[in-house]
Amino acid sequence: MPPSFNLLIEPWIPVRWLPGTRGDTPDRVGLRQLLLRSSDIAGLSIPVPPAHSALLRILYALTARVTGLDEAGPGDWGGRREDILDDACLPQEGIESYLDTYSERFFLYDPGGGRPWMQDARLADQCDADNTAGVNKLIVTRPAGNNHSWFRHGSDVRPDLPTASEAVLNLLVWHYYGPSGRCSSRDVNGVKSASMTAGPLRTALSYHPEGGNLFETLLAGLVPPPAAVERSQNQCPWEWDGLPDPEKLPAPPSGPCARLTACSQHALLLVPCEDDDGQSVRDAYITWAYRAGRIPRGDDFLIWQVSQQGNRYPRPADSRRALWRDLDALLLHEPGGTAQAERPKVFASAVEVSDDLRVRALGFEQEGQAKDTQFVDASTPSVLGYAEARVPRTAPAVGRLRKLGETYGRRLDRAVKRAWSSYTDDAKANGDTWAGQAAARYWPRAEAEFWSRFRRLDRTGKALDVGLDLQDSRRAFLRAAEEAYDAVTASVTRTQRGAKAVSDARIELYGGRRKAKVA
């Protein structure tokens, strides 16, 4: 009998349960149990941030379907969502009806050439079975081919077989964060090609509202659909009547569910291990989904900004940048600044779910092609109650706090680099070592200072200055920069030349020398 692994039933999604939850609380659940018991689940427990981000988008689409919130009507969309919030659980009838309708499309494997979930069974015939990608390539934390080891050592000759759970989560990472460039050759209608386009979220940092349980998180992650969007046209890949033609230009997504789930530029196929009835995966095909063209890049969970050349692009994931430095771009309707940042669209409606929503940032610091650097996973305390729509005076204060922190961070960087250059008597000297040490001392303290003052902001609207003492805040960030500067430069102040270099460069902490006005 061919291996069978139904994602609706098999336990493959790692979860955290709320304390005191009654009944069975397994470490992993299938999609059906996850939706039915979302009110008892604190959140997903996925250790790979891009997999967490990708699965959330799948769950948002499923939530929209089972609640009927995938269409603007009938009635008021926000009111209908409030009715579901009042019920404190997703509708069981909607869950059972939808999942029963598409139950055959949620099998991870379909050796008969059918429709394995989020895969293309045609690859078994269109790709070379003797030159597959392999499971080490599929699992993004493993080294493959001649690449250096990252988290662990591995062998392509005798790889450790990943579990089905691990494989499907990495399947999603490829769909959303996969690289561009060379891939396995795919032969369609006698024409071979081996070049793929980057995934829709590659390099980007994704921001998600988080509630007190998964139920709130999923409802907060829904965006009101346009009135013209119809369910029959706004389809997820498992709802398609047939697979897309890889030789045609990809169709742009027609609605929020398609935008959440159907923007992949990659085609994959998992090969099950027959010895354990598909509980593990022994091989994988990974190649391009469309020979030419790119699906328009749009996402409601990204901060979009404009480059100096006028190009719109998502804010990239940066493992060195703390989440508080993006907070005003999440709270303000128009954050301002030269980048013309647009806050994620989801936050405009998420605040209607709860004032106690947190923000979770998930991403993958990457280059456009093959290089992967570091995962990004960060969260805030309850912040969305401070959004501009809720407390108009508070959100700008958050922006001022952020700007103060970044101002003194930049000044500190200039100061230590100038001190090093003067000390070495070399204008081209690389002061990155001092700059790195100074940043490691300053930014954690600046973050603690930011959250300490953020928690004291007034949300009642009674205080005109919302409780923000701007001068005291400025002194606090300056003091953090001064202490970091003194600690990093102390080793050279024992000599006259070093002491002079450090003393002269200190002025950069205060804004540098002012240029004389021309008469």
Protein backbone atom coordinates (compact mmCIF):
# COMPACT_ATOMS: atom_id res chain seq x y z
CA MET A 1 0.00 0.00 0.00
CA PRO A 2 1.45 3.45 -0.94
CA PRO A 3 2.52 5.71 1.97
CA SER A 4 -0.20 8.03 3.23
CA PHE A 5 0.18 11.16 5.38
CA ASN A 6 -2.91 13.34 5.73
CA LEU A 7 -2.03 16.80 7.04
CA LEU A 8 -5.53 17.27 8.45
CA ILE A 9 -5.14 14.34 10.84
CA GLU A 10 -1.45 13.48 11.29
CA PRO A 11 0.30 15.41 14.10
CA TRP A 12 2.88 17.61 12.35
CA ILE A 13 2.44 21.19 13.66
CA PRO A 14 4.35 21.93 16.91
CA VAL A 15 2.18 23.94 19.33
CA ARG A 16 2.21 25.40 22.85
CA TRP A 17 -0.94 24.90 24.94
CA LEU A 18 -2.35 27.46 27.34
CA PRO A 19 -1.67 26.65 31.01
CA GLY A 20 -4.50 24.70 32.58
CA THR A 21 -5.87 23.35 29.30
CA ARG A 22 -8.01 20.30 29.88
CA GLY A 23 -7.89 17.13 27.82
CA ASP A 24 -5.19 15.81 25.57
CA THR A 25 -2.35 18.28 24.90
CA PRO A 26 0.04 16.66 22.38
CA ASP A 27 3.22 18.43 21.28
CA ARG A 28 2.05 18.30 17.65
CA VAL A 29 -1.38 18.47 16.04
CA GLY A 30 -2.90 18.19 12.59
CA LEU A 31 -4.68 21.04 10.84
CA ARG A 32 -8.17 19.92 11.87
CA GLN A 33 -7.35 19.75 15.57
CA LEU A 34 -5.41 23.02 15.40
CA LEU A 35 -8.42 24.91 14.03
CA LEU A 36 -10.94 23.23 16.33
CA ARG A 37 -8.84 23.87 19.45
CA SER A 38 -7.23 27.20 18.52
CA SER A 39 -8.68 28.81 21.66
CA ASP A 40 -6.71 26.36 23.84
CA ILE A 41 -3.44 26.80 21.95
CA ALA A 42 -1.13 29.60 23.08
CA GLY A 43 0.72 29.64 19.76
CA LEU A 44 2.86 27.78 17.28
CA SER A 45 6.12 26.32 18.57
CA ILE A 46 8.11 26.21 15.34
CA PRO A 47 11.88 26.72 15.86
CA VAL A 48 12.54 27.91 12.29
CA PRO A 49 11.17 31.49 11.95
CA PRO A 50 10.60 31.45 8.15
CA ALA A 51 8.63 28.21 8.53
CA HIS A 52 6.58 29.85 11.29
CA SER A 53 5.90 32.86 9.07
CA ALA A 54 4.96 30.67 6.10
CA LEU A 55 2.61 28.44 8.07
CA LEU A 56 0.86 31.46 9.60
CA ARG A 57 -0.09 32.57 6.09
CA ILE A 58 -1.56 29.14 5.35
CA LEU A 59 -3.52 29.30 8.61
CA TYR A 60 -4.79 32.83 7.89
CA ALA A 61 -6.20 31.59 4.59
CA LEU A 62 -7.84 28.58 6.23
CA THR A 63 -9.28 30.80 8.97
CA ALA A 64 -10.75 33.15 6.38
CA ARG A 65 -12.35 30.19 4.59
CA VAL A 66 -13.89 28.44 7.61
CA THR A 67 -15.28 31.71 9.04
CA GLY A 68 -16.58 33.14 5.76
CA LEU A 69 -14.34 36.18 6.27
CA ASP A 70 -12.75 35.53 2.87
CA GLU A 71 -15.45 37.77 1.34
CA ALA A 72 -16.45 41.31 2.29
CA GLY A 73 -20.15 40.50 2.63
CA PRO A 74 -22.83 39.85 3.59
CA GLY A 75 -23.11 42.61 6.16
CA ASP A 76 -20.25 44.40 7.83
CA TRP A 77 -16.96 42.42 7.71
CA GLY A 78 -15.67 43.82 11.00
CA GLY A 79 -18.96 43.10 12.73
CA ARG A 80 -18.91 39.51 11.54
CA ARG A 81 -15.40 39.08 12.90
CA GLU A 82 -16.53 40.53 16.25
CA ASP A 83 -19.34 37.95 16.37
CA ILE A 84 -16.75 35.19 15.96
CA LEU A 85 -14.60 36.77 18.68
CA ASP A 86 -17.62 36.73 20.99
CA ASP A 87 -17.99 32.98 20.36
CA ALA A 88 -14.36 32.55 21.53
CA CYS A 89 -13.69 29.78 18.99
CA LEU A 90 -13.67 29.17 15.26
CA PRO A 91 -16.99 27.76 13.97
CA GLN A 92 -16.93 23.95 14.09
CA GLU A 93 -19.47 23.64 11.30
CA GLY A 94 -17.38 25.83 9.00
CA ILE A 95 -14.22 23.88 9.80
CA GLU A 96 -15.80 20.48 9.19
CA SER A 97 -17.53 21.58 6.00
CA TYR A 98 -14.44 23.12 4.40
CA LEU A 99 -11.97 20.41 5.40
CA ASP A 100 -14.33 17.63 4.31
CA THR A 101 -14.70 19.29 0.91
CA TYR A 102 -10.94 19.40 0.30
CA SER A 103 -9.82 16.43 2.41
CA GLU A 104 -8.30 14.65 -0.62
CA ARG A 105 -6.06 17.66 -1.33
CA PHE A 106 -4.30 17.54 2.05
CA PHE A 107 -2.30 14.36 1.52
CA LEU A 108 1.44 14.98 1.67
CA TYR A 109 2.11 12.20 -0.85
CA ASP A 110 0.21 10.97 -3.86
CA PRO A 111 2.35 8.41 -5.73
CA GLY A 112 -0.46 7.88 -8.24
CA GLY A 113 0.33 11.21 -9.89
CA GLY A 114 -2.47 13.11 -8.16
CA ARG A 115 -2.32 16.31 -6.11
CA PRO A 116 0.03 16.11 -3.11
CA TRP A 117 -0.42 19.21 -0.94
CA MET A 118 1.55 22.27 -2.14
CA GLN A 119 3.52 20.11 -4.59
CA ASP A 120 3.69 19.29 -8.29
CA ALA A 121 3.51 15.56 -9.02
CA ARG A 122 4.59 16.21 -12.64
CA LEU A 123 8.18 16.69 -11.45
CA ALA A 124 8.63 12.93 -11.15
CA ASP A 125 8.49 12.80 -14.97
CA GLN A 126 9.84 16.25 -15.85
CA CYS A 127 13.01 16.12 -13.70
CA ASP A 128 15.93 13.70 -13.69
CA ALA A 129 15.31 11.08 -10.98
CA ASP A 130 19.07 10.47 -10.80
CA ASN A 131 19.83 14.13 -10.12
CA THR A 132 17.33 15.23 -7.48
CA ALA A 133 17.86 18.00 -4.93
CA GLY A 134 17.93 15.59 -1.99
CA VAL A 135 16.73 16.03 1.56
CA ASN A 136 19.78 18.00 2.69
CA LYS A 137 18.87 20.67 0.14
CA LEU A 138 15.24 20.60 1.27
CA ILE A 139 16.04 21.19 4.96
CA VAL A 140 17.26 24.78 5.09
CA THR A 141 19.33 24.31 8.26
CA ARG A 142 21.47 21.58 6.69
CA PRO A 143 24.58 21.93 4.52
CA ALA A 144 24.12 20.54 1.01
CA GLY A 145 26.59 19.90 -1.80
CA ASN A 146 29.84 21.81 -1.23
CA ASN A 147 28.32 24.40 1.09
CA HIS A 148 29.76 25.01 4.56
CA SER A 149 28.03 23.54 7.60
CA TRP A 150 25.71 25.93 9.39
CA PHE A 151 23.85 24.25 12.25
CA ARG A 152 25.16 20.71 11.76
CA HIS A 153 27.32 18.43 9.63
CA GLY A 154 25.69 16.21 7.02
CA SER A 155 26.37 13.90 4.12
CA ASP A 156 24.55 13.85 0.79
CA VAL A 157 25.56 10.21 0.35
CA ARG A 158 23.92 9.01 3.56
CA PRO A 159 21.67 11.82 4.81
CA ASP A 160 19.58 11.59 7.95
CA LEU A 161 16.02 11.32 6.73
CA PRO A 162 13.78 14.16 7.98
CA THR A 163 10.42 13.42 9.51
CA ALA A 164 7.34 14.27 7.49
CA SER A 165 6.69 17.16 9.89
CA GLU A 166 10.18 18.61 9.33
CA ALA A 167 9.89 18.09 5.58
CA VAL A 168 6.55 19.85 5.14
CA LEU A 169 7.65 22.86 7.21
CA ASN A 170 10.77 23.20 5.03
CA LEU A 171 8.63 22.71 1.93
CA LEU A 172 6.83 25.90 3.00
CA VAL A 173 10.13 27.72 3.58
CA TRP A 174 11.08 26.97 -0.03
CA HIS A 175 7.74 28.24 -1.35
CA TYR A 176 8.03 31.56 0.47
CA TYR A 177 11.79 32.16 0.96
CA GLY A 178 13.40 30.05 -1.77
CA PRO A 179 16.43 31.47 -3.65
CA SER A 180 16.83 32.51 -7.24
CA GLY A 181 19.46 31.14 -9.61
CA ARG A 182 20.38 27.63 -10.68
CA CYS A 183 18.20 24.67 -9.75
CA SER A 184 17.42 21.13 -10.91
CA SER A 185 16.67 20.96 -14.62
CA ARG A 186 12.99 20.63 -15.57
CA ASP A 187 11.89 19.44 -19.01
CA VAL A 188 8.54 20.81 -20.20
CA ASN A 189 7.42 20.02 -23.76
CA GLY A 190 10.95 19.07 -24.80
CA VAL A 191 12.59 22.28 -23.51
CA LYS A 192 14.90 22.02 -20.50
CA SER A 193 15.70 24.91 -18.19
CA ALA A 194 17.25 25.19 -14.75
CA SER A 195 16.74 28.75 -13.51
CA MET A 196 14.32 29.86 -10.81
CA THR A 197 13.05 33.16 -9.41
CA ALA A 198 13.28 34.08 -5.73
CA GLY A 199 10.34 33.40 -3.43
CA PRO A 200 7.90 36.21 -2.53
CA LEU A 201 9.26 36.72 1.01
CA ARG A 202 12.96 36.20 0.33
CA THR A 203 15.09 38.70 2.34
CA ALA A 204 11.98 40.27 3.91
CA LEU A 205 10.98 40.66 7.56
CA SER A 206 7.39 39.72 8.30
CA TYR A 207 5.34 41.32 11.12
CA HIS A 208 2.39 39.51 12.72
CA PRO A 209 -0.10 40.57 15.41
CA GLU A 210 -0.21 38.07 18.29
CA GLY A 211 -3.09 37.61 20.71
CA GLY A 212 -3.54 35.78 23.99
CA ASN A 213 -4.15 32.52 22.12
CA LEU A 214 -3.90 31.19 18.58
CA PHE A 215 -7.61 31.93 17.98
CA GLU A 216 -7.03 35.67 18.52
CA THR A 217 -3.78 35.56 16.55
CA LEU A 218 -5.47 34.05 13.50
CA LEU A 219 -8.41 36.49 13.54
CA ALA A 220 -6.06 39.46 14.05
CA GLY A 221 -4.08 38.33 11.00
CA LEU A 222 -7.05 38.68 8.63
CA VAL A 223 -7.31 41.70 6.35
CA PRO A 224 -10.73 42.86 5.07
CA PRO A 225 -11.02 41.72 1.42
CA PRO A 226 -12.05 44.16 -1.32
CA ALA A 227 -15.75 44.16 -2.09
CA ALA A 228 -15.13 42.87 -5.63
CA VAL A 229 -13.27 39.72 -4.53
CA GLU A 230 -15.24 36.50 -5.00
CA ARG A 231 -14.40 33.22 -3.28
CA SER A 232 -14.44 31.24 -6.52
CA GLN A 233 -11.70 33.43 -8.03
CA ASN A 234 -9.61 33.91 -4.87
CA GLN A 235 -8.24 30.38 -4.66
CA CYS A 236 -5.51 28.61 -2.70
CA PRO A 237 -3.31 26.07 -4.56
CA TRP A 238 -5.11 23.05 -3.07
CA GLU A 239 -8.41 24.45 -4.39
CA TRP A 240 -7.30 24.72 -8.03
CA ASP A 241 -9.04 22.44 -10.52
CA GLY A 242 -5.68 21.75 -12.14
CA LEU A 243 -2.01 22.68 -11.83
CA PRO A 244 -0.82 25.84 -13.63
CA ASP A 245 0.93 25.68 -16.99
CA PRO A 246 4.65 26.26 -16.26
CA GLU A 247 5.17 27.75 -19.72
CA LYS A 248 2.58 30.50 -19.26
CA LEU A 249 3.11 33.71 -17.33
CA PRO A 250 1.98 33.27 -13.71
CA ALA A 251 -1.42 34.76 -12.98
CA PRO A 252 -1.43 37.57 -10.41
CA PRO A 253 -3.30 36.73 -7.19
CA SER A 254 -6.92 37.89 -7.33
CA GLY A 255 -7.61 38.17 -3.61
CA PRO A 256 -6.21 37.81 -0.08
CA CYS A 257 -6.30 33.99 0.13
CA ALA A 258 -4.46 33.68 -3.20
CA ARG A 259 -2.01 36.36 -2.12
CA LEU A 260 -1.35 34.46 1.11
CA THR A 261 -0.81 31.02 -0.42
CA ALA A 262 -0.41 31.09 -4.21
CA CYS A 263 2.63 33.29 -4.94
CA SER A 264 5.36 30.65 -5.00
CA GLN A 265 7.96 30.69 -7.77
CA HIS A 266 9.18 27.19 -6.89
CA ALA A 267 7.90 23.69 -7.61
CA LEU A 268 8.66 20.84 -5.22
CA LEU A 269 7.86 17.17 -4.81
CA LEU A 270 8.63 15.06 -1.74
CA VAL A 271 9.48 11.38 -2.07
CA PRO A 272 8.30 9.32 0.95
CA CYS A 273 10.24 6.62 2.70
CA GLU A 274 8.31 3.40 2.10
CA ASP A 275 9.90 1.62 5.07
CA ASP A 276 8.00 3.68 7.67
CA ASP A 277 4.76 4.38 5.76
CA GLY A 278 5.76 7.93 4.85
CA GLN A 279 6.63 9.11 8.38
CA SER A 280 9.92 10.32 6.91
CA VAL A 281 11.05 11.67 3.52
CA ARG A 282 13.91 10.09 1.57
CA ASP A 283 14.27 12.52 -1.36
CA ALA A 284 12.99 15.77 -2.86
CA TYR A 285 12.67 17.45 -6.25
CA ILE A 286 13.14 21.26 -6.18
CA THR A 287 12.94 23.36 -9.33
CA TRP A 288 11.21 26.31 -10.99
CA ALA A 289 7.43 26.73 -11.16
CA TYR A 290 7.25 29.15 -14.12
CA ARG A 291 9.68 29.39 -16.99
CA ALA A 292 9.30 33.16 -17.25
CA GLY A 293 7.64 36.01 -15.41
CA ARG A 294 7.20 36.82 -11.75
CA ILE A 295 4.10 36.95 -9.58
CA PRO A 296 3.63 40.57 -8.39
CA ARG A 297 5.23 40.96 -4.97
CA GLY A 298 2.64 42.20 -2.49
CA ASP A 299 2.09 41.19 1.12
CA ASP A 300 0.03 42.63 3.99
CA PHE A 301 2.58 41.69 6.68
CA LEU A 302 5.63 43.60 5.42
CA ILE A 303 6.82 47.17 5.92
CA TRP A 304 7.10 48.56 2.41
CA GLN A 305 9.51 51.41 1.71
CA VAL A 306 10.90 53.31 -1.25
CA SER A 307 14.55 53.29 -2.36
CA GLN A 308 16.45 56.37 -3.51
CA GLN A 309 15.77 55.22 -7.07
CA GLY A 310 12.04 55.25 -6.40
CA ASN A 311 11.60 51.46 -6.22
CA ARG A 312 9.18 49.98 -3.70
CA TYR A 313 10.61 47.10 -1.66
CA PRO A 314 9.98 45.36 1.68
CA ARG A 315 12.11 46.20 4.70
CA PRO A 316 14.79 43.48 4.79
CA ALA A 317 15.41 41.13 7.68
CA ASP A 318 18.46 42.21 9.68
CA SER A 319 19.49 40.01 12.61
CA ARG A 320 21.42 42.95 14.12
CA ARG A 321 18.42 45.30 14.22
CA ALA A 322 16.17 45.08 17.30
CA LEU A 323 12.41 45.10 16.75
CA TRP A 324 11.77 48.27 18.79
CA ARG A 325 13.53 50.26 16.07
CA ASP A 326 10.63 49.42 13.72
CA LEU A 327 7.86 50.05 16.23
CA ASP A 328 6.74 53.48 15.05
CA ALA A 329 6.50 52.10 11.51
CA LEU A 330 3.97 49.59 12.89
CA LEU A 331 1.93 52.03 14.99
CA LEU A 332 1.84 55.16 12.84
CA HIS A 333 -0.44 55.37 9.82
CA GLU A 334 2.20 57.42 8.00
CA PRO A 335 5.54 56.92 9.80
CA GLY A 336 7.34 59.52 7.69
CA GLY A 337 11.07 59.59 6.95
CA THR A 338 12.97 59.50 3.68
CA ALA A 339 12.13 55.82 3.10
CA GLN A 340 8.39 56.68 2.94
CA ALA A 341 7.64 53.54 4.95
CA GLU A 342 4.16 52.02 4.75
CA ARG A 343 3.13 50.03 7.78
CA PRO A 344 1.88 46.47 7.20
CA LYS A 345 -1.71 46.62 6.05
CA VAL A 346 -2.79 44.02 8.61
CA PHE A 347 -2.28 46.45 11.52
CA ALA A 348 -5.03 48.77 10.33
CA SER A 349 -7.66 46.17 11.27
CA ALA A 350 -5.79 44.02 13.82
CA VAL A 351 -6.32 46.59 16.60
CA GLU A 352 -10.06 45.87 16.43
CA VAL A 353 -9.43 42.37 17.80
CA SER A 354 -7.74 43.42 21.06
CA ASP A 355 -5.80 46.27 22.66
CA ASP A 356 -3.40 43.72 24.11
CA LEU A 357 -1.96 42.41 20.86
CA ARG A 358 1.78 41.94 20.63
CA VAL A 359 3.90 42.01 17.46
CA ARG A 360 5.97 39.04 16.30
CA ALA A 361 8.66 39.65 13.69
CA LEU A 362 9.75 36.60 11.69
CA GLY A 363 12.22 36.44 8.85
CA PHE A 364 15.41 35.20 7.28
CA GLU A 365 18.42 37.44 6.71
CA GLN A 366 19.38 36.43 3.18
CA GLU A 367 20.73 37.57 -0.14
CA GLY A 368 18.57 37.36 -3.25
CA GLN A 369 20.31 34.24 -4.50
CA ALA A 370 21.77 31.39 -2.46
CA LYS A 371 23.34 32.99 0.63
CA ASP A 372 21.45 32.58 3.92
CA THR A 373 22.83 34.38 6.98
CA GLN A 374 20.62 34.20 10.06
CA PHE A 375 17.06 33.63 11.24
CA VAL A 376 15.17 36.55 12.79
CA ASP A 377 12.56 35.99 15.50
CA ALA A 378 11.56 38.78 17.89
CA SER A 379 8.46 39.86 19.76
CA THR A 380 7.21 42.90 21.63
CA PRO A 381 5.03 43.30 24.71
CA SER A 382 1.42 44.42 24.15
CA VAL A 383 1.86 47.42 21.85
CA LEU A 384 -0.98 47.61 19.32
CA GLY A 385 -3.20 49.40 21.82
CA TYR A 386 -0.81 52.33 21.27
CA ALA A 387 -1.56 52.50 17.54
CA GLU A 388 -2.27 55.94 16.14
CA ALA A 389 -5.92 55.03 15.47
CA ARG A 390 -6.35 54.20 19.18
CA VAL A 391 -4.19 56.83 20.90
CA PRO A 392 -3.23 59.56 18.41
CA ARG A 393 -0.79 61.33 20.73
CA THR A 394 1.07 58.25 21.90
CA ALA A 395 2.22 56.79 18.59
CA PRO A 396 4.23 59.91 17.56
CA ALA A 397 5.93 59.81 20.98
CA VAL A 398 7.04 56.27 20.19
CA GLY A 399 8.57 57.60 16.99
CA ARG A 400 10.44 60.32 18.88
CA LEU A 401 11.82 57.77 21.33
CA ARG A 402 12.99 55.56 18.48
CA LYS A 403 14.66 58.47 16.71
CA LEU A 404 16.53 59.46 19.87
CA GLY A 405 17.84 55.94 20.31
CA GLU A 406 18.98 55.71 16.69
CA THR A 407 20.49 59.22 16.69
CA TYR A 408 22.86 58.43 19.54
CA GLY A 409 23.60 55.01 18.07
CA ARG A 410 24.75 56.66 14.83
CA ARG A 411 26.75 59.31 16.69
CA LEU A 412 28.49 56.65 18.75
CA ASP A 413 29.42 54.76 15.59
CA ARG A 414 30.93 57.92 14.03
CA ALA A 415 32.76 58.82 17.25
CA VAL A 416 34.56 55.50 17.74
CA LYS A 417 35.50 55.28 14.06
CA ARG A 418 36.89 58.83 14.12
CA ALA A 419 38.82 58.08 17.35
CA TRP A 420 40.37 54.97 15.79
CA SER A 421 41.29 56.82 12.62
CA SER A 422 42.98 59.60 14.61
CA TYR A 423 44.76 57.19 16.90
CA THR A 424 46.18 55.15 14.00
CA ASP A 425 46.87 58.36 12.04
CA ASP A 426 45.24 56.76 9.01
CA ALA A 427 42.18 58.40 7.43
CA LYS A 428 41.32 55.10 5.74
CA ALA A 429 41.70 53.00 8.89
CA ASN A 430 38.91 50.48 9.43
CA GLY A 431 37.31 51.14 12.81
CA ASP A 432 34.77 48.33 12.48
CA THR A 433 36.15 46.42 15.46
CA TRP A 434 35.62 49.35 17.83
CA ALA A 435 32.30 50.11 16.18
CA GLY A 436 31.12 46.53 16.72
CA GLN A 437 32.16 46.58 20.38
CA ALA A 438 30.45 49.92 20.93
CA ALA A 439 27.24 48.71 19.25
CA ALA A 440 27.22 45.55 21.39
CA ARG A 441 27.32 47.75 24.51
CA TYR A 442 24.95 50.49 23.38
CA TRP A 443 22.02 48.82 21.61
CA PRO A 444 20.91 46.41 24.37
CA ARG A 445 20.93 49.29 26.85
CA ALA A 446 19.10 51.56 24.40
CA GLU A 447 16.45 48.87 23.92
CA ALA A 448 15.95 48.52 27.67
CA GLU A 449 15.68 52.32 27.95
CA PHE A 450 13.14 52.44 25.12
CA TRP A 451 10.81 49.81 26.64
CA SER A 452 11.11 51.30 30.11
CA ARG A 453 9.90 54.67 28.84
CA PHE A 454 7.37 53.12 26.46
CA ARG A 455 5.59 51.39 29.35
CA ARG A 456 5.19 54.73 31.12
CA LEU A 457 3.44 56.45 28.19
CA ASP A 458 -0.08 57.66 28.96
CA ARG A 459 -2.86 55.97 26.97
CA THR A 460 -5.76 57.83 28.57
CA GLY A 461 -5.33 60.98 26.48
CA LYS A 462 -5.24 63.17 29.60
CA ALA A 463 -1.54 64.08 29.43
CA LEU A 464 -0.67 66.40 26.55
CA ASP A 465 2.91 65.10 26.44
CA VAL A 466 1.68 61.49 27.00
CA GLY A 467 4.14 61.25 29.88
CA LEU A 468 7.24 61.46 27.69
CA ASP A 469 10.00 63.65 29.14
CA LEU A 470 11.91 64.35 25.94
CA GLN A 471 14.90 66.05 27.60
CA ASP A 472 15.35 63.30 30.16
CA SER A 473 15.04 60.68 27.42
CA ARG A 474 17.69 62.46 25.38
CA ARG A 475 20.04 62.51 28.37
CA ALA A 476 19.45 58.79 29.00
CA PHE A 477 20.36 57.73 25.46
CA LEU A 478 23.34 60.11 25.44
CA ARG A 479 24.55 58.65 28.72
CA ALA A 480 24.35 55.14 27.26
CA ALA A 481 26.40 56.29 24.24
CA GLU A 482 28.98 58.05 26.43
CA GLU A 483 29.52 55.00 28.62
CA ALA A 484 29.87 52.70 25.61
CA TYR A 485 32.35 55.14 24.04
CA ASP A 486 34.46 55.35 27.21
CA ALA A 487 34.53 51.58 27.67
CA VAL A 488 35.62 50.85 24.09
CA THR A 489 38.28 53.57 23.85
CA ALA A 490 39.73 53.20 27.38
CA SER A 491 42.58 50.95 26.24
CA VAL A 492 44.32 53.73 24.25
CA THR A 493 43.86 56.66 26.64
CA ARG A 494 47.04 55.79 28.56
CA THR A 495 49.14 57.42 25.84
CA GLN A 496 49.10 61.10 24.94
CA ARG A 497 48.23 60.40 21.30
CA GLY A 498 45.42 58.03 22.26
CA ALA A 499 43.98 60.38 24.86
CA LYS A 500 43.96 63.25 22.37
CA ALA A 501 42.30 61.12 19.67
CA VAL A 502 39.59 59.96 22.06
CA SER A 503 39.03 63.46 23.43
CA ASP A 504 38.77 65.09 19.99
CA ALA A 505 36.40 62.44 18.60
CA ARG A 506 34.07 62.63 21.61
CA ILE A 507 32.42 65.70 20.10
CA GLU A 508 30.70 63.40 17.59
CA LEU A 509 28.49 62.13 20.44
CA TYR A 510 27.04 65.65 20.67
CA GLY A 511 26.48 66.16 16.97
CA GLY A 512 30.01 67.07 15.83
CA ARG A 513 31.42 70.50 15.17
CA ARG A 514 28.94 72.93 13.73
CA LYS A 515 29.92 74.35 10.39
CA ALA A 516 30.59 78.08 10.41
CA LYS A 517 27.98 80.11 8.58
CA VAL A 518 29.17 81.78 5.42
CA ALA A 519 28.67 85.55 5.60
